[in-house]
Amino acid sequence: MLILATAGLFSWILTIENVPQQVAGVITSISENPMVFLGIVVLLLLFVGMFMETNASIIILAPILVPVASELGIDPVHFGIVMIVTLAIGMVTPPLGLNLFVVSKIGRLRMDKLTISLIPFYIAVLICLLIITFYSFYYNIGG
């Protein structure tokens, strides 16, 4: 709860300091294409998900990324689903995927053996993430 409270305070400070508008400016200077934005967000969230707890990541990053997504015409529900799925994948991705430590203890496996045996599942989950992110977005626009 302390982590969530601190993340909430940090998110509030970022909002007061207009960080979402600055991030929107940086991202739209790279590209105003919603697909490029979603690709950048997926990479960012996979990286963040490897190192941070999901709820704290959402509390910190949602107020920054959702206004940009809305500005680019991305449905907020779709964007929320992409955020949740991507951060959940990050929770089972090395080096600090928190759920890997739980599975390692329960299964009494070393982390390297566990990670190697999960490679086919990582591939499957990443394909699902790409479908959720890009195909669903394309379908929602009516492309």
Protein backbone atom coordinates (compact mmCIF):
# COMPACT_ATOMS: atom_id res chain seq x y z
CA MET A 1 0.00 0.00 0.00
CA LEU A 2 2.93 2.31 0.65
CA ILE A 3 4.13 1.78 -2.92
CA LEU A 4 0.67 2.61 -4.29
CA ALA A 5 0.36 5.71 -2.12
CA THR A 6 3.77 6.94 -3.22
CA ALA A 7 2.95 6.19 -6.87
CA GLY A 8 -0.31 8.12 -6.52
CA LEU A 9 1.50 11.12 -5.07
CA PHE A 10 4.12 10.95 -7.82
CA SER A 11 1.40 10.77 -10.46
CA TRP A 12 -0.34 13.81 -8.97
CA ILE A 13 2.94 15.78 -9.01
CA LEU A 14 3.53 14.84 -12.65
CA THR A 15 0.04 16.03 -13.55
CA ILE A 16 0.47 19.33 -11.71
CA GLU A 17 3.78 19.92 -13.52
CA ASN A 18 2.15 19.34 -16.95
CA VAL A 19 4.32 16.32 -17.72
CA PRO A 20 1.54 14.64 -19.77
CA GLN A 21 1.44 17.61 -22.13
CA GLN A 22 5.22 17.58 -22.47
CA VAL A 23 5.24 13.83 -23.15
CA ALA A 24 2.49 14.33 -25.73
CA GLY A 25 4.63 16.95 -27.44
CA VAL A 26 7.66 14.67 -27.53
CA ILE A 27 5.73 11.68 -28.83
CA THR A 28 3.82 13.62 -31.46
CA SER A 29 7.11 15.15 -32.61
CA ILE A 30 8.33 11.60 -33.32
CA SER A 31 5.18 10.59 -35.17
CA GLU A 32 1.49 11.39 -35.14
CA ASN A 33 0.67 7.89 -36.33
CA PRO A 34 -1.32 6.02 -33.66
CA MET A 35 0.32 2.72 -34.64
CA VAL A 36 3.80 4.13 -33.98
CA PHE A 37 2.58 5.48 -30.65
CA LEU A 38 1.17 2.08 -29.67
CA GLY A 39 4.46 0.42 -30.63
CA ILE A 40 6.43 2.86 -28.49
CA VAL A 41 4.03 2.38 -25.58
CA VAL A 42 4.22 -1.41 -25.81
CA LEU A 43 8.03 -1.31 -25.71
CA LEU A 44 8.00 1.17 -22.83
CA LEU A 45 5.47 -0.84 -20.82
CA LEU A 46 7.30 -4.12 -21.39
CA PHE A 47 10.44 -2.49 -20.03
CA VAL A 48 8.64 -0.88 -17.09
CA GLY A 49 6.75 -4.09 -16.35
CA MET A 50 10.02 -5.97 -15.93
CA PHE A 51 11.09 -3.70 -13.10
CA MET A 52 7.95 -2.29 -11.44
CA GLU A 53 4.79 -3.66 -9.92
CA THR A 54 1.76 -3.42 -12.23
CA ASN A 55 -0.53 -1.27 -10.07
CA ALA A 56 2.18 1.29 -9.38
CA SER A 57 3.07 1.40 -13.07
CA ILE A 58 -0.54 2.06 -14.03
CA ILE A 59 -0.95 4.79 -11.41
CA ILE A 60 2.20 6.54 -12.60
CA LEU A 61 1.94 6.07 -16.37
CA ALA A 62 -1.80 6.18 -17.10
CA PRO A 63 -2.18 9.93 -16.43
CA ILE A 64 0.78 10.54 -18.74
CA LEU A 65 -0.09 8.20 -21.62
CA VAL A 66 -3.91 8.22 -21.77
CA PRO A 67 -4.21 11.91 -22.80
CA VAL A 68 -1.73 11.29 -25.62
CA ALA A 69 -3.65 8.20 -26.72
CA SER A 70 -6.93 10.11 -26.68
CA GLU A 71 -5.37 12.93 -28.67
CA LEU A 72 -4.28 10.42 -31.32
CA GLY A 73 -7.77 8.90 -31.53
CA ILE A 74 -7.10 5.66 -29.65
CA ASP A 75 -10.07 4.27 -27.75
CA PRO A 76 -9.37 4.56 -23.99
CA VAL A 77 -10.74 1.07 -23.29
CA HIS A 78 -8.50 -0.46 -25.94
CA PHE A 79 -5.53 1.48 -24.62
CA GLY A 80 -6.27 0.33 -21.07
CA ILE A 81 -6.38 -3.29 -22.18
CA VAL A 82 -3.06 -2.87 -23.99
CA MET A 83 -1.54 -1.36 -20.84
CA ILE A 84 -2.78 -4.15 -18.58
CA VAL A 85 -1.74 -6.99 -20.89
CA THR A 86 1.68 -5.48 -21.57
CA LEU A 87 2.43 -4.87 -17.90
CA ALA A 88 1.23 -8.39 -17.04
CA ILE A 89 3.68 -9.80 -19.57
CA GLY A 90 6.40 -7.69 -17.99
CA MET A 91 5.65 -9.30 -14.63
CA VAL A 92 6.81 -12.69 -15.97
CA THR A 93 9.79 -11.41 -17.96
CA PRO A 94 13.35 -11.51 -16.63
CA PRO A 95 15.41 -9.96 -15.10
CA LEU A 96 13.10 -8.85 -12.30
CA GLY A 97 9.74 -10.31 -13.28
CA LEU A 98 8.19 -10.63 -9.85
CA ASN A 99 5.97 -13.57 -10.77
CA LEU A 100 9.01 -15.55 -11.92
CA PHE A 101 10.34 -15.58 -8.38
CA VAL A 102 7.04 -16.97 -7.09
CA VAL A 103 6.96 -19.71 -9.73
CA SER A 104 10.62 -20.49 -9.09
CA LYS A 105 9.97 -21.03 -5.38
CA ILE A 106 6.79 -23.05 -5.88
CA GLY A 107 8.32 -25.26 -8.58
CA ARG A 108 11.70 -25.45 -6.83
CA LEU A 109 13.39 -24.51 -10.10
CA ARG A 110 16.40 -22.37 -10.79
CA MET A 111 15.58 -19.11 -12.53
CA ASP A 112 17.67 -19.91 -15.63
CA LYS A 113 15.93 -23.26 -16.23
CA LEU A 114 12.54 -21.68 -15.67
CA THR A 115 13.21 -18.84 -18.08
CA ILE A 116 14.50 -21.11 -20.84
CA SER A 117 11.47 -23.38 -20.54
CA LEU A 118 9.16 -20.37 -20.83
CA ILE A 119 10.51 -19.15 -24.20
CA PRO A 120 7.71 -20.76 -26.28
CA PHE A 121 5.15 -19.17 -23.97
CA TYR A 122 6.84 -15.77 -24.30
CA ILE A 123 6.57 -16.05 -28.08
CA ALA A 124 2.88 -16.98 -27.89
CA VAL A 125 2.09 -14.19 -25.44
CA LEU A 126 3.93 -11.59 -27.52
CA ILE A 127 2.00 -12.66 -30.63
CA CYS A 128 -1.24 -12.26 -28.66
CA LEU A 129 -0.08 -8.82 -27.49
CA LEU A 130 0.61 -7.77 -31.09
CA ILE A 131 -2.86 -8.96 -32.11
CA ILE A 132 -4.50 -7.13 -29.21
CA THR A 133 -2.54 -3.97 -29.88
CA PHE A 134 -2.47 -3.58 -33.64
CA TYR A 135 -5.19 -5.75 -35.15
CA SER A 136 -7.76 -4.61 -32.62
CA PHE A 137 -6.78 -0.99 -33.19
CA TYR A 138 -7.05 -1.41 -36.95
CA TYR A 139 -10.41 -3.15 -36.56
CA ASN A 140 -11.77 -0.39 -34.26
CA ILE A 141 -10.97 2.27 -36.84
CA GLY A 142 -12.76 0.28 -39.51
CA GLY A 143 -9.61 -0.13 -41.60
